[in-house]
Amino acid sequence: MKTFKLYSISLLEGKDGNVHQKMIPIEDGLIINMENKQQTWYIEAVISHDYYDYFKKVKDQDGHILVDVIITSKDNHPAAMITSVQTLTELSESVSVLLEAKLALKKDVIIEDVLKDLVGQGFSEKRLLQEFKNKMENLAAHPQGALKTIYRSIKESGHYKLQ
């Protein structure tokens, strides 16, 4: 088992054929890789009380949420995860939400999507390599194409009830 500091978390919601990212400010948080066969992760975030009703509704409906998390540092690449709300604990001035998660988007898919995007923009050879390095170094969010693909495949799988 490995534990990391949760740097940021955002909701990935499908609307109008696109996936929109909604950042949730966190007061504190951690993420645990259980390193088991099921590839389970746990995310605990202390957030504003404003989000209590949203997470309560998801939990009550046994729903799922697609999220993007960044761990340890803002310089790390995001990880897209499909989550379910396990517990919701009201604190004096905030809420602690515990999410069970599985990785939804592998790094190879992101790399492929970045390359497709650059080739689509007409870059080639040396310029392509330079632009690819720049994009990968500055990847603060997943490319829209990768997010659309993962959101659609999760929704169509029938295994999850996306909110």
Protein backbone atom coordinates (compact mmCIF):
# COMPACT_ATOMS: atom_id res chain seq x y z
CA MET A 1 0.00 0.00 0.00
CA LYS A 2 1.26 3.49 -0.88
CA THR A 3 -0.12 6.81 0.36
CA PHE A 4 0.25 10.16 -1.42
CA LYS A 5 -0.82 13.74 -0.75
CA LEU A 6 -3.86 14.76 -2.80
CA TYR A 7 -2.96 17.98 -4.56
CA SER A 8 -6.22 18.55 -6.48
CA ILE A 9 -9.45 16.90 -7.52
CA SER A 10 -11.94 17.88 -10.18
CA LEU A 11 -15.21 16.41 -11.42
CA LEU A 12 -15.41 15.37 -15.07
CA GLU A 13 -18.99 15.77 -16.24
CA GLY A 14 -20.40 15.00 -19.68
CA LYS A 15 -22.50 17.79 -21.14
CA ASP A 16 -23.36 18.75 -24.71
CA GLY A 17 -21.05 16.10 -26.19
CA ASN A 18 -18.05 17.40 -24.27
CA VAL A 19 -16.50 16.61 -20.91
CA HIS A 20 -16.33 19.60 -18.60
CA GLN A 21 -13.92 19.83 -15.71
CA LYS A 22 -15.17 21.30 -12.42
CA MET A 23 -12.42 21.90 -9.88
CA ILE A 24 -13.29 21.18 -6.24
CA PRO A 25 -11.15 23.20 -3.83
CA ILE A 26 -9.75 20.91 -1.14
CA GLU A 27 -8.60 21.84 2.34
CA ASP A 28 -6.65 18.61 2.76
CA GLY A 29 -6.56 15.17 1.24
CA LEU A 30 -4.75 11.96 0.54
CA ILE A 31 -4.89 9.13 -1.94
CA ILE A 32 -4.00 5.51 -1.25
CA ASN A 33 -2.97 2.92 -3.81
CA MET A 34 -4.01 -0.40 -2.24
CA GLU A 35 -1.69 -2.26 -4.66
CA ASN A 36 -4.13 -5.17 -4.85
CA LYS A 37 -5.31 -7.33 -7.77
CA GLN A 38 -8.42 -5.18 -8.18
CA GLN A 39 -6.20 -2.06 -8.55
CA THR A 40 -8.22 -0.22 -5.92
CA TRP A 41 -7.43 3.31 -4.80
CA TYR A 42 -9.01 5.37 -2.01
CA ILE A 43 -9.29 9.14 -2.14
CA GLU A 44 -10.11 11.15 0.95
CA ALA A 45 -10.70 14.87 0.55
CA VAL A 46 -11.73 17.51 3.04
CA ILE A 47 -13.91 19.92 1.10
CA SER A 48 -16.38 22.76 1.59
CA HIS A 49 -19.78 21.99 3.05
CA ASP A 50 -21.20 23.36 -0.23
CA TYR A 51 -20.53 19.98 -1.89
CA TYR A 52 -22.26 17.84 0.76
CA ASP A 53 -25.61 17.57 -1.09
CA TYR A 54 -23.91 16.61 -4.37
CA PHE A 55 -21.90 13.77 -2.83
CA LYS A 56 -24.83 12.66 -0.65
CA LYS A 57 -27.04 12.33 -3.74
CA VAL A 58 -24.38 10.29 -5.56
CA LYS A 59 -23.97 8.00 -2.54
CA ASP A 60 -27.73 7.55 -2.05
CA GLN A 61 -28.15 6.61 -5.72
CA ASP A 62 -25.14 4.25 -5.70
CA GLY A 63 -23.80 6.44 -8.49
CA HIS A 64 -20.31 6.98 -9.85
CA ILE A 65 -18.24 10.05 -10.53
CA LEU A 66 -15.44 10.43 -13.05
CA VAL A 67 -12.71 12.56 -11.47
CA ASP A 68 -9.28 13.88 -12.33
CA VAL A 69 -6.77 13.86 -9.48
CA ILE A 70 -3.28 15.24 -9.18
CA ILE A 71 -1.11 13.87 -6.42
CA THR A 72 1.86 15.29 -4.53
CA SER A 73 2.62 18.31 -6.76
CA LYS A 74 0.94 20.53 -9.34
CA ASP A 75 3.69 19.44 -11.74
CA ASN A 76 2.44 15.83 -11.83
CA HIS A 77 0.19 14.58 -14.60
CA PRO A 78 -3.49 14.08 -13.75
CA ALA A 79 -5.04 10.65 -13.33
CA ALA A 80 -8.63 10.04 -14.44
CA MET A 81 -10.47 7.73 -12.03
CA ILE A 82 -13.97 6.31 -11.81
CA THR A 83 -15.16 6.59 -8.21
CA SER A 84 -17.98 5.76 -5.85
CA VAL A 85 -18.72 7.56 -2.59
CA GLN A 86 -17.98 5.29 0.38
CA THR A 87 -18.48 7.67 3.30
CA LEU A 88 -19.41 11.27 3.82
CA THR A 89 -18.55 12.77 7.21
CA GLU A 90 -19.66 16.21 8.30
CA LEU A 91 -16.93 18.04 10.18
CA SER A 92 -17.32 21.28 12.13
CA GLU A 93 -16.64 23.55 9.13
CA SER A 94 -16.22 21.15 6.20
CA VAL A 95 -16.95 17.68 4.89
CA SER A 96 -14.72 14.65 4.50
CA VAL A 97 -15.55 12.50 1.49
CA LEU A 98 -14.04 9.04 0.99
CA LEU A 99 -14.10 7.73 -2.57
CA GLU A 100 -13.23 4.24 -3.78
CA ALA A 101 -11.55 4.54 -7.17
CA LYS A 102 -10.14 2.71 -10.15
CA LEU A 103 -7.91 4.20 -12.82
CA ALA A 104 -10.03 5.02 -15.84
CA LEU A 105 -7.42 6.31 -18.27
CA LYS A 106 -3.99 4.81 -18.76
CA LYS A 107 -0.99 7.00 -19.58
CA ASP A 108 -0.57 5.33 -23.01
CA VAL A 109 -4.01 6.58 -24.07
CA ILE A 110 -3.06 10.13 -23.07
CA ILE A 111 0.21 9.98 -24.99
CA GLU A 112 -1.55 8.64 -28.09
CA ASP A 113 -4.20 11.36 -27.87
CA VAL A 114 -1.59 14.13 -27.55
CA LEU A 115 0.21 12.81 -30.63
CA LYS A 116 -3.02 12.54 -32.66
CA ASP A 117 -3.86 16.12 -31.72
CA LEU A 118 -0.44 17.42 -32.83
CA VAL A 119 -0.47 15.48 -36.12
CA GLY A 120 -3.99 16.84 -36.71
CA GLN A 121 -2.60 20.34 -36.28
CA GLY A 122 -0.10 19.66 -39.08
CA PHE A 123 3.12 19.29 -37.08
CA SER A 124 5.75 16.95 -38.51
CA GLU A 125 9.26 15.63 -37.79
CA LYS A 126 11.42 17.89 -35.56
CA ARG A 127 8.61 20.34 -34.90
CA LEU A 128 6.30 17.46 -33.94
CA LEU A 129 8.83 16.09 -31.47
CA GLN A 130 9.39 19.52 -29.90
CA GLU A 131 5.66 20.25 -29.59
CA PHE A 132 5.07 16.77 -28.17
CA LYS A 133 7.71 17.31 -25.47
CA ASN A 134 6.22 20.72 -24.62
CA LYS A 135 2.68 19.37 -24.35
CA MET A 136 3.70 16.39 -22.21
CA GLU A 137 5.73 18.61 -19.85
CA ASN A 138 2.82 21.04 -19.46
CA LEU A 139 0.00 18.49 -19.27
CA ALA A 140 -2.14 19.89 -16.44
CA ALA A 141 -5.30 18.22 -17.72
CA HIS A 142 -6.17 15.37 -20.04
CA PRO A 143 -6.73 16.21 -23.70
CA GLN A 144 -10.43 16.67 -24.46
CA GLY A 145 -10.41 13.74 -26.92
CA ALA A 146 -9.13 11.33 -24.28
CA LEU A 147 -11.73 12.53 -21.79
CA LYS A 148 -14.57 12.15 -24.30
CA THR A 149 -13.41 8.61 -25.12
CA ILE A 150 -13.16 7.46 -21.51
CA TYR A 151 -16.42 9.14 -20.48
CA ARG A 152 -18.30 7.55 -23.38
CA SER A 153 -16.81 4.08 -22.81
CA ILE A 154 -17.57 4.19 -19.07
CA LYS A 155 -21.14 5.32 -19.74
CA GLU A 156 -21.71 2.72 -22.46
CA SER A 157 -20.19 -0.14 -20.42
CA GLY A 158 -23.25 -0.30 -18.20
CA HIS A 159 -21.04 -1.04 -15.18
CA TYR A 160 -21.28 2.46 -13.74
CA LYS A 161 -24.01 5.02 -13.09
CA LEU A 162 -22.30 8.29 -13.95
CA GLN A 163 -23.79 11.37 -12.32
